[in-house]
Every structure is written in C-alpha cells, then in structure tokens.
Amino acid sequence: MNSNAEGNIAGNKNKNENKNKSRNRRRNAKKLFRLRLILEGCGVGIGAGLSVGLFRYLLTVSEEWRLLVYECVRQAALQGDWLLPVLYGAAFVLAAWLLAKIVAVEPMCTGSGIPQVKGILMGRMSMNWLSVLAAKIAGGVLAIGAGMSLGREGPSVQIGACAGQGIGRLSHREGRGLEARTLLVAGSGAGLAAAFNAPLAGVIFGLEELQKTFSPAALPAAITAAVTATAVTELFFGGSPVFTLGSLVPMPLDMLGWLAGLGLFVGLLGRGFNKSLLFSLDLYQRMGLVGIYRPLLPLLMAAVLGFVLPEILGGGNRLVDALAVEDYSLSFLCLLFVGKFLFTMLCFGSGVPGGIFLPMLVLGALGGAVFGSLLSGAGLLPPVYMADMIVFGMAAYFSVVVKSPVTGSVLIMEMTGSFQHMLALLIVSLSAYAVSELTGGRPVYNELLERMLRKMSRRKRISPEELTK
C-alpha cells in the first residue's frame, strides 16, 4: 500500500512538473513571438520610412518643378514664343501614356491603395510587394507631380504595407497567417505615420481601420513600426508638423457650441463625397475611356488649371497653409471648395495611383474656412479663431467620410501640432460622425473595396492572383 501511494504521489508530481514545463514553454514562446514581432516591426518601420521618405522627397521636387514650369511657360507665351507651350502640352500627353502603362503592368497600384490593403487582410486579394512598391512610387510621383488633385497618404499606406509584406517574406514569415497579417498592418500604419509625421495616428489607423482590433500581439509591432518610420522620415524632413497654421488659440468654453455646429455643417458637406467618388469611377467606365485616355482627361485639365486656378492642383498642403494667412473672400472660398471637389473626383476616377486622404482634408479645411467666414461676417466669431475653424473642419470632414473619429482627431492633432485642442477636435469629429450615422453614411474605403470586389467577381470569377499578374 505504501509503495502504491508513493508511486501515485511520484506520478502526480511528474504530471505537475510536465504541466509546468509545458506552461513555461508556451509562455516563453509567446514572449519570443512578441519580441520577434517588435524586431520585425523595427525593420518594417525602417523600410516604410525610407520608401515613403523617397516618395515624399520626389513629390516635393516635382511640385517645385511644376511651379517653375508654369511660370516659364507663362512668360514664353507672353513673349510670343510657342515652342515651350507646345512642349508643355506634349509633356502631359507623355505623362498620361506612362501612367496608363504603369497601371496596365501593375493593376494593384491604382487609386488610394487602402482598399487593396483591406482586401489583402480579408484574404480576397494579393499583391507582389516589390512590383506594387515601384509602381506606386513612380505612378504617384508622376500623377501628383503633374498637378492631379490626389494625396500621398493613401499611397504611403500601401507602400508601408509593401514594406511589411517584404520584411515578412525576407524573414520567411509571410506564409504564417497571424504574423504576416500583423506585419502588413504595422507597415500600413508606419506608412501613414511617415507621410504625416504622425506616429500615434499611424498606430490607431492601422488597428482601428485595418486590423479592427487592438490585439496585444499587434500593438507592440504597430507602435515600433510607426515610431521607427517617423524617426527615419524626420531625419530627412525634420519633425515639424505637416501643416503650418501659425499659433492656434484655444477656444473658450462658451464658444464650444459653435464646434458642434461646424461638425454638422462640414458633415453635411462631406456626405456627398463618397457617392461622388463612386459616381466618378462609374462614369469613366460608362464613357468607355481606356488606356491613355483615362489619365489624359484630368491631366489636360491640370494643364489649364495651372494658369486659371492653381490653388486646387496637387494634394493641397500649400492651400491649407495659405488659408490661415490669406484673407480670402467668402465667394472665393466657395469657388475653391467646388473646384477642389470636382477636380478631385475627375482625377480619382481615372484610376491612376494617388489617394483621397489629403484632398479630403483640404476640402474639410475649406469647409471650416467657409463656416468661420460666415460666423465672422455675422460678428459671432473673432478673426483670431479662424485658423482653429480650418483645423476643426479637417477633422470633421475626415470623420464623416472615413467614419473614424478617433483616428481623425489624433491625426489632425499631430499634423497641426495643436495638442491643446483634443477636446474641441473630439466634439467636432463626433458631431460630423453623427451626421454620417443619421444619414446612413458608410466608410469610404469600405465602399471602394466593395466596388473592387464586385468588379472582380464579374470577370468570370478570375482569381485575385491572376488579376494582379
């Protein structure tokens, strides 16, 4: 009896020891997994930071060249020398041909890139990261540099996702579901962080908009990637905010009610954005424009607008900065809003590489400026708060279109350096979000993704892999 009892005790002891060893192995495996994700997130951040940094540099150079070319062509025309204007027009035709070739070779580089990333995370799409990376940078620089009203931020998200997928493949983790997904999300957030010098917004965007959850495994990798990418780009561009709006004055509590009104006003303006965007894509398709003719239409329009309304060309950073210092009339602000809106639809509908992120924020800034001008004209708003209305208008427009009020508030806070305006940003963002909810609005990137998936399903059920070849 004693020997049997001793044997049972020894057996139970061995089982407990085995359980403890197994538990320790699982615990150590989780620690190693998270440590590996952090190290890989650092690599993703470096890759995304360098790639987006190159993209931003080329866009800056192209914008400076565009302004110089417009001035040279204008002077040549005034002097009766038509050789340069003819070459100027031919350059836009050449740009349209190159863009058509880029899109034909790599269809996954079209448009913003954010819907494609969401489709990959859903398992409905795939991409060749190196091919998309090269095509997105080349096509984005060509389209935005030529003056098309498109943003660098959506492409930067896809460029970051390419870096995440590339690191996954180089570390032989690409085929492992959770790890590959985590690196893709981390890279996407790092791309946004590098584009805007906004690491916190990059993390929140990746987890709120793409991952749809703040999982313990994804969070460290996302933070590491976003911070590293921002640090890399700041080495080249400095750490100053993207928008330079001067000193922003905190609004007193008795004026916060106007912020809710601003949210409602800009929210109503933004409700037409999604439908107009989808309409522009469908319109190009119904018109039967293919190949060079799709980008040629907005490019020729850009060639004309450069001499008529140059403020609405490109992404719009300069226009937002100008709103805070220039005394534009209410009628001119309305003209800028309508012009920017229509030209953005024309450009995005062509399907060339380029996003709606920055044009969307510019429209919000213009909406905020219009609302502020109305209040100021009625004697209800001191002029010192006009810059605040511009900032809050961007957050409101983002919230109603993307339906991510937290991301929008944090993003605008980091982009403008207005960290003391967090409460005001949340008020205006939630007001605009309420407009979208009450009127049945849906997130723009979800609508774009669904359109892409419907288009794929109509092509005789061709696999996503074949579509991207």
Protein backbone atom coordinates (compact mmCIF):
# COMPACT_ATOMS: atom_id res chain seq x y z
CA MET A 1 0.00 0.00 0.00
CA ASN A 2 2.74 2.40 0.94
CA SER A 3 4.60 1.70 -2.31
CA ASN A 4 1.43 2.28 -4.36
CA ALA A 5 0.76 5.55 -2.56
CA GLU A 6 4.33 6.66 -3.11
CA GLY A 7 4.03 5.73 -6.77
CA ASN A 8 0.86 7.79 -7.16
CA ILE A 9 2.47 10.74 -5.46
CA ALA A 10 5.51 10.49 -7.72
CA GLY A 11 3.27 10.15 -10.77
CA ASN A 12 1.25 13.22 -9.82
CA LYS A 13 4.44 15.13 -9.17
CA ASN A 14 5.76 14.24 -12.63
CA LYS A 15 2.46 15.29 -14.23
CA ASN A 16 2.56 18.63 -12.43
CA GLU A 17 6.16 19.15 -13.45
CA ASN A 18 5.29 18.35 -17.07
CA LYS A 19 2.37 20.75 -16.95
CA ASN A 20 4.57 23.47 -15.50
CA LYS A 21 7.22 22.85 -18.14
CA SER A 22 4.60 22.94 -20.89
CA ARG A 23 3.13 26.15 -19.47
CA ASN A 24 6.59 27.73 -19.24
CA ARG A 25 7.36 26.71 -22.83
CA ARG A 26 4.14 28.30 -24.05
CA ARG A 27 4.84 31.43 -22.01
CA ASN A 28 8.40 31.66 -23.37
CA ALA A 29 7.15 31.03 -26.90
CA LYS A 30 4.71 33.93 -26.56
CA LYS A 31 7.48 36.18 -25.26
CA LEU A 32 9.77 35.21 -28.13
CA PHE A 33 6.93 35.73 -30.60
CA ARG A 34 6.24 39.24 -29.33
CA LEU A 35 9.94 40.06 -29.21
CA ARG A 36 10.32 38.85 -32.79
CA LEU A 37 7.35 40.98 -33.85
CA ILE A 38 8.93 44.03 -32.22
CA LEU A 39 12.24 43.44 -34.02
CA GLU A 40 10.45 42.80 -37.31
CA GLY A 41 8.34 45.90 -36.66
CA CYS A 42 11.54 47.89 -36.41
CA GLY A 43 12.61 46.51 -39.80
CA VAL A 44 9.20 47.31 -41.26
CA GLY A 45 9.46 50.86 -39.91
CA ILE A 46 12.87 51.38 -41.48
CA GLY A 47 11.67 50.01 -44.82
CA ALA A 48 8.47 52.07 -44.75
CA GLY A 49 10.29 55.21 -43.59
CA LEU A 50 12.89 55.02 -46.36
CA SER A 51 10.31 54.22 -49.07
CA VAL A 52 7.81 56.88 -48.01
CA GLY A 53 10.66 59.34 -47.43
CA LEU A 54 11.79 58.84 -51.03
CA PHE A 55 8.19 59.25 -52.18
CA ARG A 56 7.78 62.49 -50.23
CA TYR A 57 11.10 63.87 -51.49
CA LEU A 58 10.27 63.17 -55.13
CA LEU A 59 6.83 64.77 -54.69
CA THR A 60 8.40 67.88 -53.14
CA VAL A 61 10.86 68.20 -56.02
CA SER A 62 8.15 67.62 -58.63
CA GLU A 63 5.93 70.28 -57.06
CA GLU A 64 8.75 72.83 -57.11
CA TRP A 65 9.46 71.97 -60.74
CA ARG A 66 5.77 72.29 -61.61
CA LEU A 67 5.61 75.83 -60.24
CA LEU A 68 8.75 76.73 -62.15
CA VAL A 69 7.45 75.22 -65.40
CA TYR A 70 4.15 77.11 -65.16
CA GLU A 71 6.00 80.39 -64.75
CA CYS A 72 8.37 79.67 -67.64
CA VAL A 73 5.50 78.70 -69.95
CA ARG A 74 3.54 81.79 -68.98
CA GLN A 75 6.50 84.06 -69.73
CA ALA A 76 7.19 82.30 -73.04
CA ALA A 77 3.56 82.70 -74.14
CA LEU A 78 3.57 86.39 -73.25
CA GLN A 79 6.70 86.85 -75.36
CA GLY A 80 5.15 85.04 -78.34
CA ASP A 81 7.47 82.01 -78.10
CA TRP A 82 5.17 78.99 -78.54
CA LEU A 83 7.80 76.25 -78.59
CA LEU A 84 7.82 75.87 -74.81
CA PRO A 85 3.99 75.81 -74.51
CA VAL A 86 3.84 73.09 -77.18
CA LEU A 87 6.45 71.04 -75.33
CA TYR A 88 4.49 71.69 -72.15
CA GLY A 89 1.35 70.16 -73.65
CA ALA A 90 3.31 67.23 -75.07
CA ALA A 91 4.72 66.51 -71.60
CA PHE A 92 1.20 65.97 -70.24
CA VAL A 93 0.41 63.56 -73.07
CA LEU A 94 3.61 61.66 -72.30
CA ALA A 95 2.70 61.57 -68.60
CA ALA A 96 -0.72 60.12 -69.46
CA TRP A 97 0.90 57.40 -71.61
CA LEU A 98 3.34 56.48 -68.84
CA LEU A 99 0.57 56.34 -66.23
CA ALA A 100 -1.53 54.10 -68.46
CA LYS A 101 1.45 51.76 -68.88
CA ILE A 102 2.14 51.64 -65.14
CA VAL A 103 -1.47 50.78 -64.32
CA ALA A 104 -1.62 48.15 -67.06
CA VAL A 105 1.54 46.44 -65.79
CA GLU A 106 0.56 46.59 -62.11
CA PRO A 107 -3.24 46.94 -61.57
CA MET A 108 -2.88 46.72 -57.78
CA CYS A 109 -1.20 50.15 -57.72
CA THR A 110 -4.32 52.01 -58.80
CA GLY A 111 -6.12 54.56 -56.67
CA SER A 112 -5.53 55.10 -52.99
CA GLY A 113 -4.18 51.66 -52.07
CA ILE A 114 -6.02 51.46 -48.74
CA PRO A 115 -8.92 49.38 -50.15
CA GLN A 116 -6.34 46.98 -51.63
CA VAL A 117 -4.68 46.57 -48.23
CA LYS A 118 -8.06 45.87 -46.63
CA GLY A 119 -8.77 43.31 -49.38
CA ILE A 120 -5.45 41.56 -48.72
CA LEU A 121 -6.20 41.38 -44.99
CA MET A 122 -9.57 39.82 -45.85
CA GLY A 123 -7.85 37.21 -47.98
CA ARG A 124 -9.67 38.40 -51.12
CA MET A 125 -6.66 39.98 -52.86
CA SER A 126 -2.93 39.54 -53.13
CA MET A 127 -0.02 41.63 -54.36
CA ASN A 128 3.58 41.40 -55.44
CA TRP A 129 5.08 43.77 -52.88
CA LEU A 130 8.15 44.82 -54.87
CA SER A 131 6.22 45.45 -58.08
CA VAL A 132 3.50 47.42 -56.31
CA LEU A 133 6.08 49.42 -54.34
CA ALA A 134 7.88 50.54 -57.50
CA ALA A 135 4.68 51.22 -59.44
CA LYS A 136 3.07 53.15 -56.58
CA ILE A 137 6.04 55.46 -56.13
CA ALA A 138 6.59 56.04 -59.86
CA GLY A 139 2.90 56.46 -60.68
CA GLY A 140 2.15 58.60 -57.62
CA VAL A 141 5.01 61.00 -58.32
CA LEU A 142 4.01 61.26 -61.97
CA ALA A 143 0.31 61.89 -61.26
CA ILE A 144 0.56 64.17 -58.22
CA GLY A 145 3.67 65.90 -59.52
CA ALA A 146 1.80 66.77 -62.72
CA GLY A 147 -0.83 68.55 -60.64
CA MET A 148 -3.61 65.99 -60.27
CA SER A 149 -5.68 66.51 -57.13
CA LEU A 150 -4.57 63.36 -55.32
CA GLY A 151 -2.86 62.71 -52.00
CA ARG A 152 0.31 60.95 -50.97
CA GLU A 153 -1.14 59.43 -47.80
CA GLY A 154 -3.19 56.55 -49.25
CA PRO A 155 -0.27 55.51 -51.45
CA SER A 156 2.02 55.81 -48.41
CA VAL A 157 -0.20 53.33 -46.54
CA GLN A 158 0.12 50.82 -49.39
CA ILE A 159 3.86 51.50 -49.67
CA GLY A 160 4.17 50.76 -45.95
CA ALA A 161 2.13 47.59 -46.42
CA CYS A 162 4.56 46.55 -49.17
CA ALA A 163 7.42 47.05 -46.71
CA GLY A 164 5.57 44.91 -44.15
CA GLN A 165 4.99 42.14 -46.67
CA GLY A 166 8.56 42.38 -47.89
CA ILE A 167 10.02 42.02 -44.39
CA GLY A 168 7.68 39.08 -43.82
CA ARG A 169 8.97 37.31 -46.90
CA LEU A 170 12.60 38.10 -46.19
CA SER A 171 12.21 36.68 -42.68
CA HIS A 172 10.26 33.69 -44.04
CA ARG A 173 7.17 34.66 -42.05
CA GLU A 174 4.99 35.73 -44.96
CA GLY A 175 3.09 32.46 -45.10
CA ARG A 176 2.26 32.41 -41.39
CA GLY A 177 -1.20 33.92 -41.05
CA LEU A 178 -1.11 35.92 -37.82
CA GLU A 179 2.47 37.12 -38.20
CA ALA A 180 2.05 38.08 -41.87
CA ARG A 181 -1.16 39.95 -41.06
CA THR A 182 0.46 41.75 -38.14
CA LEU A 183 3.42 42.91 -40.24
CA LEU A 184 1.08 44.09 -43.00
CA VAL A 185 -0.98 46.16 -40.55
CA ALA A 186 2.18 47.51 -38.88
CA GLY A 187 3.59 48.52 -42.25
CA SER A 188 0.37 50.25 -43.24
CA GLY A 189 0.32 52.32 -40.06
CA ALA A 190 4.02 53.07 -40.47
CA GLY A 191 3.34 54.37 -43.98
CA LEU A 192 0.72 56.80 -42.71
CA ALA A 193 2.97 57.84 -39.82
CA ALA A 194 5.84 58.55 -42.21
CA ALA A 195 3.60 60.52 -44.58
CA PHE A 196 2.25 62.82 -41.87
CA ASN A 197 4.93 62.75 -39.12
CA ALA A 198 2.12 61.28 -37.02
CA PRO A 199 3.16 58.05 -35.25
CA LEU A 200 0.19 57.89 -32.89
CA ALA A 201 -2.31 58.36 -35.72
CA GLY A 202 -0.47 55.70 -37.72
CA VAL A 203 -0.87 53.18 -34.92
CA ILE A 204 -4.54 53.99 -34.36
CA PHE A 205 -5.33 53.96 -38.09
CA GLY A 206 -3.70 50.58 -38.58
CA LEU A 207 -5.54 49.00 -35.66
CA GLU A 208 -8.88 50.87 -35.84
CA GLU A 209 -9.36 50.99 -39.62
CA LEU A 210 -7.45 47.93 -40.87
CA GLN A 211 -6.99 45.43 -38.03
CA LYS A 212 -10.35 46.35 -36.43
CA THR A 213 -8.97 45.31 -33.04
CA PHE A 214 -6.28 46.40 -30.56
CA SER A 215 -4.79 42.95 -30.03
CA PRO A 216 -1.85 42.51 -27.62
CA ALA A 217 0.21 40.84 -30.36
CA ALA A 218 -0.32 43.56 -32.98
CA LEU A 219 0.05 46.62 -30.74
CA PRO A 220 3.82 46.39 -29.97
CA ALA A 221 4.70 45.75 -33.63
CA ALA A 222 2.45 48.60 -34.80
CA ILE A 223 3.95 51.05 -32.29
CA THR A 224 7.52 50.03 -33.12
CA ALA A 225 6.96 50.30 -36.87
CA ALA A 226 5.19 53.68 -36.68
CA VAL A 227 7.76 55.26 -34.35
CA THR A 228 10.69 53.93 -36.37
CA ALA A 229 9.20 55.09 -39.68
CA THR A 230 8.53 58.56 -38.27
CA ALA A 231 12.08 58.78 -36.90
CA VAL A 232 13.50 57.83 -40.31
CA THR A 233 11.48 60.45 -42.20
CA GLU A 234 12.23 63.12 -39.61
CA LEU A 235 15.93 62.62 -40.33
CA PHE A 236 15.25 63.92 -43.84
CA PHE A 237 12.32 66.32 -43.40
CA GLY A 238 12.57 67.40 -39.77
CA GLY A 239 9.98 66.99 -37.06
CA SER A 240 7.77 70.00 -37.81
CA PRO A 241 4.01 69.44 -38.36
CA VAL A 242 2.78 68.87 -41.91
CA PHE A 243 0.60 72.00 -41.83
CA THR A 244 1.95 75.38 -40.75
CA LEU A 245 -1.02 77.36 -39.46
CA GLY A 246 0.74 79.68 -37.04
CA SER A 247 -0.29 79.90 -33.39
CA LEU A 248 -3.65 78.26 -32.70
CA VAL A 249 -5.61 79.84 -29.87
CA PRO A 250 -7.70 77.54 -27.62
CA MET A 251 -11.38 78.42 -27.89
CA PRO A 252 -13.17 79.40 -24.65
CA LEU A 253 -15.87 77.11 -23.26
CA ASP A 254 -18.71 79.45 -24.22
CA MET A 255 -17.78 79.03 -27.90
CA LEU A 256 -17.64 75.23 -27.96
CA GLY A 257 -21.25 75.15 -29.12
CA TRP A 258 -20.11 76.53 -32.47
CA LEU A 259 -17.91 73.47 -32.86
CA ALA A 260 -20.94 71.20 -32.85
CA GLY A 261 -22.44 73.48 -35.48
CA LEU A 262 -19.23 73.27 -37.51
CA GLY A 263 -19.34 69.48 -37.29
CA LEU A 264 -22.90 69.42 -38.59
CA PHE A 265 -22.11 71.91 -41.38
CA VAL A 266 -18.98 70.14 -42.62
CA GLY A 267 -20.64 66.77 -42.06
CA LEU A 268 -23.40 67.72 -44.49
CA LEU A 269 -20.80 68.93 -46.99
CA GLY A 270 -18.93 65.64 -46.69
CA ARG A 271 -21.95 63.40 -47.21
CA GLY A 272 -21.73 63.89 -50.96
CA PHE A 273 -18.07 62.89 -51.13
CA ASN A 274 -18.45 59.10 -51.14
CA LYS A 275 -21.27 58.97 -53.68
CA SER A 276 -19.49 61.42 -55.97
CA LEU A 277 -16.31 59.36 -55.77
CA LEU A 278 -18.10 56.17 -56.79
CA PHE A 279 -20.01 58.07 -59.48
CA SER A 280 -16.75 59.33 -61.00
CA LEU A 281 -15.35 55.80 -61.18
CA ASP A 282 -18.54 54.52 -62.81
CA LEU A 283 -18.67 57.48 -65.19
CA TYR A 284 -15.22 56.74 -66.60
CA GLN A 285 -16.32 53.15 -67.13
CA ARG A 286 -19.57 54.13 -68.86
CA MET A 287 -17.70 56.56 -71.09
CA GLY A 288 -15.55 53.69 -72.28
CA LEU A 289 -12.29 55.53 -71.67
CA VAL A 290 -9.38 53.09 -71.65
CA GLY A 291 -5.60 53.24 -71.77
CA ILE A 292 -4.07 56.66 -72.19
CA TYR A 293 -7.43 58.43 -72.41
CA ARG A 294 -8.31 57.86 -68.74
CA PRO A 295 -5.41 59.85 -67.23
CA LEU A 296 -5.23 62.22 -70.20
CA LEU A 297 -8.54 63.92 -69.36
CA PRO A 298 -7.59 65.12 -65.82
CA LEU A 299 -4.01 65.85 -66.89
CA LEU A 300 -5.15 68.21 -69.64
CA MET A 301 -7.46 69.83 -67.12
CA ALA A 302 -4.49 70.27 -64.77
CA ALA A 303 -2.53 71.87 -67.61
CA VAL A 304 -5.24 74.51 -67.94
CA LEU A 305 -5.96 74.98 -64.24
CA GLY A 306 -2.31 75.79 -63.63
CA PHE A 307 -2.97 79.17 -65.23
CA VAL A 308 -6.56 79.68 -64.05
CA LEU A 309 -6.91 78.22 -60.54
CA PRO A 310 -3.53 76.80 -59.48
CA GLU A 311 -4.57 76.65 -55.81
CA ILE A 312 -6.52 73.42 -56.35
CA LEU A 313 -3.69 71.50 -58.03
CA GLY A 314 -1.79 68.70 -56.28
CA GLY A 315 -2.52 67.39 -52.81
CA GLY A 316 -3.18 70.77 -51.22
CA ASN A 317 -0.65 71.33 -48.41
CA ARG A 318 0.13 74.83 -49.62
CA LEU A 319 -3.56 75.73 -49.86
CA VAL A 320 -4.26 74.73 -46.25
CA ASP A 321 -1.32 76.82 -45.04
CA ALA A 322 -2.49 79.76 -47.18
CA LEU A 323 -5.99 79.66 -45.68
CA ALA A 324 -4.58 80.66 -42.30
CA VAL A 325 -2.73 83.74 -43.58
CA GLU A 326 -4.61 84.91 -46.69
CA ASP A 327 -7.79 86.97 -46.37
CA TYR A 328 -9.84 85.10 -48.97
CA SER A 329 -13.36 86.33 -49.61
CA LEU A 330 -16.31 84.04 -48.91
CA SER A 331 -17.09 83.74 -52.63
CA PHE A 332 -13.51 82.72 -53.45
CA LEU A 333 -13.52 80.15 -50.63
CA CYS A 334 -16.69 78.63 -52.11
CA LEU A 335 -15.07 78.61 -55.56
CA LEU A 336 -12.01 76.82 -54.15
CA PHE A 337 -14.21 74.24 -52.42
CA VAL A 338 -16.27 73.47 -55.53
CA GLY A 339 -13.21 73.47 -57.79
CA LYS A 340 -11.19 71.22 -55.49
CA PHE A 341 -14.13 68.85 -55.05
CA LEU A 342 -14.88 68.45 -58.76
CA PHE A 343 -11.23 68.20 -59.78
CA THR A 344 -10.57 65.56 -57.11
CA MET A 345 -13.45 63.48 -58.47
CA LEU A 346 -12.14 63.84 -62.02
CA CYS A 347 -8.63 62.80 -61.00
CA PHE A 348 -9.53 59.87 -58.76
CA GLY A 349 -11.99 58.45 -61.27
CA SER A 350 -9.16 57.99 -63.76
CA GLY A 351 -7.72 55.19 -61.62
CA VAL A 352 -4.12 56.43 -61.52
CA PRO A 353 -2.01 55.92 -58.37
CA GLY A 354 -2.99 58.55 -55.83
CA GLY A 355 -5.15 58.91 -52.75
CA ILE A 356 -8.04 60.98 -51.44
CA PHE A 357 -6.67 61.46 -47.93
CA LEU A 358 -5.10 64.89 -48.36
CA PRO A 359 -7.69 66.30 -50.82
CA MET A 360 -10.32 65.20 -48.30
CA LEU A 361 -8.58 67.17 -45.54
CA VAL A 362 -8.24 70.19 -47.82
CA LEU A 363 -11.97 70.13 -48.51
CA GLY A 364 -12.57 69.98 -44.77
CA ALA A 365 -10.26 72.94 -44.23
CA LEU A 366 -12.13 74.91 -46.89
CA GLY A 367 -15.45 73.96 -45.31
CA GLY A 368 -14.18 75.14 -41.94
CA ALA A 369 -12.96 78.39 -43.51
CA VAL A 370 -16.38 78.97 -45.11
CA PHE A 371 -18.17 78.35 -41.80
CA GLY A 372 -15.73 80.59 -39.95
CA SER A 373 -16.12 83.31 -42.55
CA LEU A 374 -19.91 83.19 -42.17
CA LEU A 375 -19.66 83.50 -38.39
CA SER A 376 -17.03 86.21 -38.61
CA GLY A 377 -19.13 88.20 -41.08
CA ALA A 378 -22.07 87.99 -38.68
CA GLY A 379 -19.89 89.21 -35.79
CA LEU A 380 -20.15 85.90 -33.94
CA LEU A 381 -16.54 84.76 -34.26
CA PRO A 382 -13.40 86.83 -33.59
CA PRO A 383 -10.91 86.56 -36.50
CA VAL A 384 -8.29 85.13 -34.15
CA TYR A 385 -10.17 81.79 -34.18
CA MET A 386 -10.27 81.40 -37.98
CA ALA A 387 -7.25 79.07 -38.01
CA ASP A 388 -8.99 76.90 -35.42
CA MET A 389 -12.02 76.54 -37.67
CA ILE A 390 -9.77 75.38 -40.50
CA VAL A 391 -8.21 72.71 -38.28
CA PHE A 392 -11.55 71.53 -36.91
CA GLY A 393 -13.04 71.44 -40.40
CA MET A 394 -10.39 68.91 -41.47
CA ALA A 395 -11.23 66.63 -38.55
CA ALA A 396 -14.96 66.88 -39.26
CA TYR A 397 -14.64 66.06 -42.97
CA PHE A 398 -12.38 63.10 -42.23
CA SER A 399 -14.84 61.75 -39.67
CA VAL A 400 -17.87 61.91 -41.93
CA VAL A 401 -16.08 60.37 -44.93
CA VAL A 402 -13.89 57.71 -43.27
CA LYS A 403 -16.08 57.26 -40.15
CA SER A 404 -13.08 57.01 -37.83
CA PRO A 405 -13.49 59.98 -35.44
CA VAL A 406 -10.72 58.91 -33.06
CA THR A 407 -8.18 58.48 -35.85
CA GLY A 408 -9.27 61.79 -37.37
CA SER A 409 -8.93 63.71 -34.11
CA VAL A 410 -5.49 62.30 -33.31
CA LEU A 411 -4.30 62.71 -36.90
CA ILE A 412 -5.23 66.39 -37.12
CA MET A 413 -3.76 67.00 -33.67
CA GLU A 414 -0.39 65.60 -34.76
CA MET A 415 -0.47 67.19 -38.24
CA THR A 416 -1.02 70.68 -36.85
CA GLY A 417 0.77 70.35 -33.52
CA SER A 418 -2.40 71.58 -31.75
CA PHE A 419 -2.23 69.22 -28.79
CA GLN A 420 -4.30 71.55 -26.60
CA HIS A 421 -7.32 71.17 -28.91
CA MET A 422 -8.08 67.50 -28.24
CA LEU A 423 -11.47 68.16 -26.61
CA ALA A 424 -12.54 70.50 -29.38
CA LEU A 425 -11.41 68.05 -32.07
CA LEU A 426 -13.43 65.26 -30.48
CA ILE A 427 -16.54 67.45 -30.25
CA VAL A 428 -16.44 68.44 -33.90
CA SER A 429 -15.47 64.93 -35.07
CA LEU A 430 -18.29 63.25 -33.17
CA SER A 431 -20.78 65.84 -34.46
CA ALA A 432 -19.76 65.09 -38.04
CA TYR A 433 -19.80 61.36 -37.32
CA ALA A 434 -23.37 61.70 -36.06
CA VAL A 435 -24.37 63.25 -39.39
CA SER A 436 -22.97 60.23 -41.21
CA GLU A 437 -24.72 57.80 -38.86
CA LEU A 438 -28.10 59.54 -39.06
CA THR A 439 -27.99 59.75 -42.86
CA GLY A 440 -26.81 56.19 -43.50
CA GLY A 441 -23.23 57.03 -44.42
CA ARG A 442 -20.63 54.30 -44.80
CA PRO A 443 -16.80 54.38 -44.60
CA VAL A 444 -15.40 55.41 -47.96
CA TYR A 445 -12.67 52.77 -48.05
CA ASN A 446 -15.21 50.01 -47.40
CA GLU A 447 -17.33 51.27 -50.29
CA LEU A 448 -14.31 51.41 -52.60
CA LEU A 449 -13.28 47.90 -51.57
CA GLU A 450 -16.75 46.51 -52.19
CA ARG A 451 -16.77 48.09 -55.64
CA MET A 452 -13.43 46.49 -56.44
CA LEU A 453 -14.62 43.08 -55.26
CA ARG A 454 -17.82 43.34 -57.31
CA LYS A 455 -15.76 44.25 -60.35
CA MET A 456 -13.53 41.23 -59.75
CA SER A 457 -16.48 38.87 -59.40
CA ARG A 458 -17.89 40.00 -62.74
CA ARG A 459 -14.72 38.99 -64.55
CA LYS A 460 -15.77 35.34 -64.81
CA ARG A 461 -14.61 34.67 -61.26
CA ILE A 462 -10.95 35.19 -62.11
CA SER A 463 -8.79 34.63 -59.02
CA PRO A 464 -7.22 37.64 -57.29
CA GLU A 465 -3.78 36.16 -58.04
CA GLU A 466 -4.48 36.22 -61.79
CA LEU A 467 -5.88 39.75 -61.62
CA THR A 468 -2.66 41.09 -60.12
CA LYS A 469 -0.33 39.47 -62.65
